[in-house]
């Protein structure tokens, strides 16, 4: 039994359509159809049926679906076990933009020297996007802002950096009181604390723009377009030489590494954690 065929079948069942399964598998819809047909021929049963626009599992498929899922899970466990013993294979690491800029260069350097057979794939995104990708098993680890909710016990968030909240204003401006605020998105996980600090400072702030892009906001402040309330990330000091900062009394933003408890003994992730904590 080809496990790629099993994976495609489960993708159709979970997503309800051939097209959605094809996107998830990174192949064409016709290829998914061919894989399912090959699996049906091997098992000599019909596995899918169409109900309107939705593909549904047949009773025979539902009967064996738990076993098929276990087979795929065992494959994942086998791969993980092999990777635990040797620092080889892919390492899919998601990272928010500030963490990517702060940690990626040294991480690449360390992996090249100590784990040259590891294939590092860096995936940028917002904390919310990275958490969703991690949950979907598209990432092995993610550098993101602490999730603002209770996460499953199968996941581990290890803080790497505790970032204070700062008021940032352009240097050389005579009167900053008239400058509007460039707001770190209130919908972003790290933006809520910044918004609270801003409204404590200025209950009705004049807003120029709002975005989930800390580095872009900092650059706009440097250019004299406005002022902002932002977290004090590691690389901010040398990326913002022409601003004035003041610490605010507000809850800090924690950035850390999200991993799975099952991977706690995986050597490459241990190396990743050690490198991040030393950077």
Protein backbone atom coordinates (compact mmCIF):
# COMPACT_ATOMS: atom_id res chain seq x y z
CA UNK A 1 0.00 0.00 0.00
CA UNK A 2 1.50 3.32 -1.12
CA UNK A 3 1.27 5.76 1.79
CA UNK A 4 1.10 8.72 -0.62
CA UNK A 5 -2.22 7.29 -1.82
CA UNK A 6 -3.44 6.98 1.77
CA UNK A 7 -2.39 10.57 2.47
CA UNK A 8 -4.35 11.83 -0.55
CA UNK A 9 -7.46 9.89 0.45
CA UNK A 10 -7.38 11.32 3.97
CA UNK A 11 -6.82 14.82 2.55
CA UNK A 12 -10.02 14.46 0.50
CA UNK A 13 -11.98 13.15 3.49
CA UNK A 14 -10.74 15.95 5.77
CA UNK A 15 -11.22 18.77 3.26
CA UNK A 16 -14.32 17.57 1.42
CA UNK A 17 -13.09 18.11 -2.14
CA UNK A 18 -10.50 16.92 -4.62
CA UNK A 19 -9.35 20.47 -5.32
CA UNK A 20 -8.75 21.29 -1.64
CA UNK A 21 -6.94 17.99 -1.16
CA UNK A 22 -4.78 18.69 -4.20
CA UNK A 23 -3.74 22.07 -2.77
CA UNK A 24 -2.87 20.47 0.55
CA UNK A 25 -0.88 17.67 -1.11
CA UNK A 26 0.85 19.96 -3.61
CA UNK A 27 -0.34 17.96 -6.63
CA UNK A 28 -3.12 18.25 -9.22
CA UNK A 29 -6.73 17.22 -8.64
CA UNK A 30 -6.40 14.57 -11.36
CA UNK A 31 -3.39 13.11 -9.53
CA UNK A 32 -5.46 12.87 -6.34
CA UNK A 33 -8.21 11.11 -8.29
CA UNK A 34 -5.68 8.65 -9.70
CA UNK A 35 -4.22 7.92 -6.28
CA UNK A 36 -7.64 7.27 -4.74
CA UNK A 37 -8.59 5.07 -7.70
CA UNK A 38 -5.38 3.05 -7.29
CA UNK A 39 -6.11 2.59 -3.60
CA UNK A 40 -9.69 1.49 -4.37
CA UNK A 41 -8.37 -1.02 -6.88
CA UNK A 42 -5.90 -2.42 -4.36
CA UNK A 43 -8.48 -2.69 -1.56
CA UNK A 44 -11.27 -3.70 -3.98
CA UNK A 45 -13.80 -1.32 -2.40
CA UNK A 46 -15.25 2.09 -3.22
CA UNK A 47 -13.79 4.69 -0.84
CA UNK A 48 -15.39 7.99 -1.86
CA UNK A 49 -18.77 9.14 -3.10
CA UNK A 50 -19.95 12.54 -4.27
CA UNK A 51 -22.78 14.31 -2.40
CA UNK A 52 -23.43 17.51 -4.34
CA UNK A 53 -20.14 19.39 -4.39
CA UNK A 54 -18.72 17.48 -1.46
CA UNK A 55 -16.74 14.24 -1.52
CA UNK A 56 -17.68 11.95 1.35
CA UNK A 57 -16.23 8.64 2.58
CA UNK A 58 -18.21 5.49 1.87
CA UNK A 59 -19.20 3.24 4.80
CA UNK A 60 -16.29 0.94 3.86
CA UNK A 61 -13.91 3.91 3.95
CA UNK A 62 -15.22 5.09 7.33
CA UNK A 63 -14.65 1.59 8.71
CA UNK A 64 -10.93 1.58 7.83
CA UNK A 65 -10.23 5.31 8.17
CA UNK A 66 -8.95 5.10 11.79
CA UNK A 67 -6.49 2.39 10.74
CA UNK A 68 -5.32 4.43 7.75
CA UNK A 69 -4.74 7.44 10.00
CA UNK A 70 -2.71 5.25 12.36
CA UNK A 71 -0.58 4.05 9.45
CA UNK A 72 0.25 7.65 8.48
CA UNK A 73 0.95 8.54 12.11
CA UNK A 74 3.35 5.59 12.37
CA UNK A 75 5.18 6.82 9.28
CA UNK A 76 5.57 10.23 10.91
CA UNK A 77 6.82 8.62 14.12
CA UNK A 78 9.35 6.49 12.21
CA UNK A 79 10.72 9.55 10.40
CA UNK A 80 10.89 11.51 13.64
CA UNK A 81 12.71 8.66 15.40
CA UNK A 82 15.29 8.43 12.62
CA UNK A 83 15.80 12.20 12.66
CA UNK A 84 16.23 12.12 16.43
CA UNK A 85 19.22 9.81 16.08
CA UNK A 86 20.85 11.83 13.31
CA UNK A 87 20.78 15.55 12.58
CA UNK A 88 19.65 15.14 9.00
CA UNK A 89 16.64 15.97 6.87
CA UNK A 90 14.39 19.02 6.71
CA UNK A 91 13.82 21.50 9.53
CA UNK A 92 10.80 23.70 8.86
CA UNK A 93 11.05 26.76 11.08
CA UNK A 94 8.44 29.51 11.05
CA UNK A 95 9.35 32.97 12.36
CA UNK A 96 7.81 36.40 12.74
CA UNK A 97 9.70 39.11 10.87
CA UNK A 98 11.59 40.59 13.82
CA UNK A 99 12.71 37.16 15.02
CA UNK A 100 13.69 36.18 11.50
CA UNK A 101 15.99 39.18 11.21
CA UNK A 102 17.42 38.81 14.73
CA UNK A 103 18.04 35.07 14.87
CA UNK A 104 18.24 33.65 11.34
CA UNK A 105 21.83 34.67 10.44
CA UNK A 106 23.38 33.06 13.51
CA UNK A 107 21.10 30.02 13.28
CA UNK A 108 22.11 29.41 9.66
CA UNK A 109 25.77 29.76 10.64
CA UNK A 110 25.48 27.25 13.50
CA UNK A 111 23.56 24.70 11.46
CA UNK A 112 26.08 24.94 8.63
CA UNK A 113 28.90 24.17 11.06
CA UNK A 114 27.28 21.67 13.43
CA UNK A 115 24.49 20.09 11.35
CA UNK A 116 25.38 20.49 7.67
CA UNK A 117 22.95 17.73 6.61
CA UNK A 118 19.95 19.57 8.04
CA UNK A 119 17.93 21.32 5.34
CA UNK A 120 16.65 24.51 6.97
CA UNK A 121 13.48 26.01 5.53
CA UNK A 122 12.56 29.39 7.03
CA UNK A 123 8.90 30.33 6.75
CA UNK A 124 7.93 33.96 7.52
CA UNK A 125 4.51 34.93 8.80
CA UNK A 126 2.48 36.50 11.57
CA UNK A 127 2.17 34.69 14.89
CA UNK A 128 -1.41 33.72 14.10
CA UNK A 129 -0.44 32.32 10.68
CA UNK A 130 2.54 30.42 12.07
CA UNK A 131 0.51 28.86 14.88
CA UNK A 132 -2.07 27.63 12.35
CA UNK A 133 0.67 26.21 10.13
CA UNK A 134 2.27 24.51 13.14
CA UNK A 135 -1.06 22.98 14.18
CA UNK A 136 -1.48 21.69 10.62
CA UNK A 137 1.94 19.99 10.92
CA UNK A 138 3.43 22.21 8.21
CA UNK A 139 6.16 23.41 10.59
CA UNK A 140 8.51 21.63 12.98
CA UNK A 141 8.89 24.70 15.21
CA UNK A 142 7.86 28.34 15.21
CA UNK A 143 9.33 31.55 16.62
CA UNK A 144 6.32 33.65 17.52
CA UNK A 145 4.63 35.81 20.12
CA UNK A 146 3.23 33.90 23.11
CA UNK A 147 -0.27 32.69 22.13
CA UNK A 148 -2.97 34.65 24.02
CA UNK A 149 -4.82 31.46 24.98
CA UNK A 150 -4.21 28.07 26.58
CA UNK A 151 -2.52 25.75 24.10
CA UNK A 152 -2.73 21.92 24.14
CA UNK A 153 -0.42 20.00 26.47
CA UNK A 154 1.13 18.39 23.40
CA UNK A 155 2.71 21.77 22.57
CA UNK A 156 5.49 23.60 24.40
CA UNK A 157 6.15 27.35 24.30
CA UNK A 158 9.65 28.24 25.53
CA UNK A 159 10.23 32.01 26.03
CA UNK A 160 13.32 33.35 24.26
CA UNK A 161 12.95 37.10 24.64
CA UNK A 162 11.00 39.34 27.05
CA UNK A 163 10.29 42.59 25.18
CA UNK A 164 9.29 45.77 27.00
CA UNK A 165 6.85 48.20 25.39
CA UNK A 166 8.29 51.52 24.16
CA UNK A 167 7.04 54.86 22.94
CA UNK A 168 9.04 55.60 19.78
CA UNK A 169 9.29 59.09 18.31
CA UNK A 170 11.44 60.55 15.51
CA UNK A 171 14.55 62.44 16.58
CA UNK A 172 14.94 66.08 15.62
CA UNK A 173 11.22 66.90 15.61
CA UNK A 174 10.52 70.04 17.63
CA UNK A 175 6.90 69.26 18.54
CA UNK A 176 5.88 65.59 18.49
CA UNK A 177 2.49 66.27 20.05
CA UNK A 178 0.96 66.84 16.62
CA UNK A 179 2.39 63.67 15.12
CA UNK A 180 -0.17 60.93 14.44
CA UNK A 181 0.36 57.37 15.64
CA UNK A 182 1.26 54.45 13.43
CA UNK A 183 -0.43 51.58 15.23
CA UNK A 184 0.81 48.03 15.63
CA UNK A 185 -2.31 46.08 14.63
CA UNK A 186 -4.73 45.53 17.48
CA UNK A 187 -5.60 42.12 15.97
CA UNK A 188 -1.98 40.95 16.19
CA UNK A 189 -1.04 38.87 19.22
CA UNK A 190 1.73 41.29 20.14
CA UNK A 191 -0.30 44.36 19.25
CA UNK A 192 -2.91 44.17 22.02
CA UNK A 193 -0.45 45.16 24.76
CA UNK A 194 0.86 48.00 22.60
CA UNK A 195 -2.65 49.29 21.99
CA UNK A 196 -3.44 49.21 25.72
CA UNK A 197 -0.24 51.12 26.48
CA UNK A 198 -1.02 53.65 23.74
CA UNK A 199 -4.56 54.35 24.92
CA UNK A 200 -3.32 54.70 28.52
CA UNK A 201 -0.91 57.31 27.20
CA UNK A 202 -3.32 58.92 24.73
CA UNK A 203 -6.99 57.91 25.24
CA UNK A 204 -8.03 59.12 21.77
CA UNK A 205 -4.92 58.83 19.58
CA UNK A 206 -4.82 60.31 16.10
CA UNK A 207 -4.09 57.31 13.87
CA UNK A 208 -2.19 57.60 10.59
CA UNK A 209 -2.14 53.88 9.77
CA UNK A 210 -2.47 50.46 11.41
CA UNK A 211 -0.52 47.36 10.37
CA UNK A 212 1.00 44.10 11.60
CA UNK A 213 4.53 45.06 10.53
CA UNK A 214 6.74 46.21 13.39
CA UNK A 215 9.84 46.93 11.29
CA UNK A 216 7.87 48.93 8.73
CA UNK A 217 6.29 50.99 11.50
CA UNK A 218 9.73 51.68 12.99
CA UNK A 219 11.03 52.81 9.60
CA UNK A 220 8.06 55.15 9.15
CA UNK A 221 8.78 56.69 12.57
CA UNK A 222 12.42 57.15 11.56
CA UNK A 223 11.22 58.94 8.44
CA UNK A 224 9.27 61.38 10.62
CA UNK A 225 5.83 60.25 9.46
CA UNK A 226 4.52 59.62 12.96
CA UNK A 227 5.14 58.07 16.35
CA UNK A 228 4.38 54.57 17.63
CA UNK A 229 4.17 52.23 20.57
CA UNK A 230 6.16 49.07 19.83
CA UNK A 231 7.86 46.14 21.59
CA UNK A 232 11.59 46.48 22.22
CA UNK A 233 12.91 43.68 20.02
CA UNK A 234 16.63 42.84 19.95
CA UNK A 235 17.47 44.26 16.55
CA UNK A 236 15.44 47.40 16.98
CA UNK A 237 18.21 49.53 18.48
CA UNK A 238 20.57 49.39 15.52
CA UNK A 239 17.73 49.44 12.98
CA UNK A 240 16.34 52.65 14.49
CA UNK A 241 19.30 55.00 15.07
CA UNK A 242 17.26 58.16 14.56
CA UNK A 243 14.47 57.73 17.08
CA UNK A 244 13.88 58.59 20.71
CA UNK A 245 12.45 55.84 22.92
CA UNK A 246 10.80 55.81 26.33
CA UNK A 247 9.74 52.73 28.28
CA UNK A 248 6.04 52.48 29.10
CA UNK A 249 4.36 50.79 32.04
CA UNK A 250 2.70 47.95 30.16
CA UNK A 251 2.77 44.13 29.98
CA UNK A 252 5.74 42.97 27.93
CA UNK A 253 5.61 40.93 24.74
CA UNK A 254 7.11 37.45 25.03
CA UNK A 255 8.64 35.87 21.93
CA UNK A 256 9.52 32.18 22.11
CA UNK A 257 9.83 28.87 20.35
CA UNK A 258 6.78 26.66 19.87
CA UNK A 259 7.57 22.94 19.66
CA UNK A 260 5.89 19.60 20.31
CA UNK A 261 6.43 17.50 23.43
CA UNK A 262 7.09 14.46 21.24
CA UNK A 263 10.14 16.27 19.77
CA UNK A 264 11.81 17.17 23.07
CA UNK A 265 14.67 14.70 22.44
CA UNK A 266 15.20 15.58 18.79
CA UNK A 267 18.84 16.74 18.58
CA UNK A 268 18.33 19.35 15.88
CA UNK A 269 15.62 21.06 17.94
CA UNK A 270 17.84 20.96 21.01
CA UNK A 271 20.57 22.64 18.94
CA UNK A 272 18.02 25.16 17.69
CA UNK A 273 16.94 26.02 21.23
CA UNK A 274 20.52 26.35 22.50
CA UNK A 275 21.42 28.63 19.60
CA UNK A 276 18.40 30.87 20.10
CA UNK A 277 19.05 31.23 23.82
CA UNK A 278 22.67 32.21 23.19
CA UNK A 279 21.95 34.71 20.39
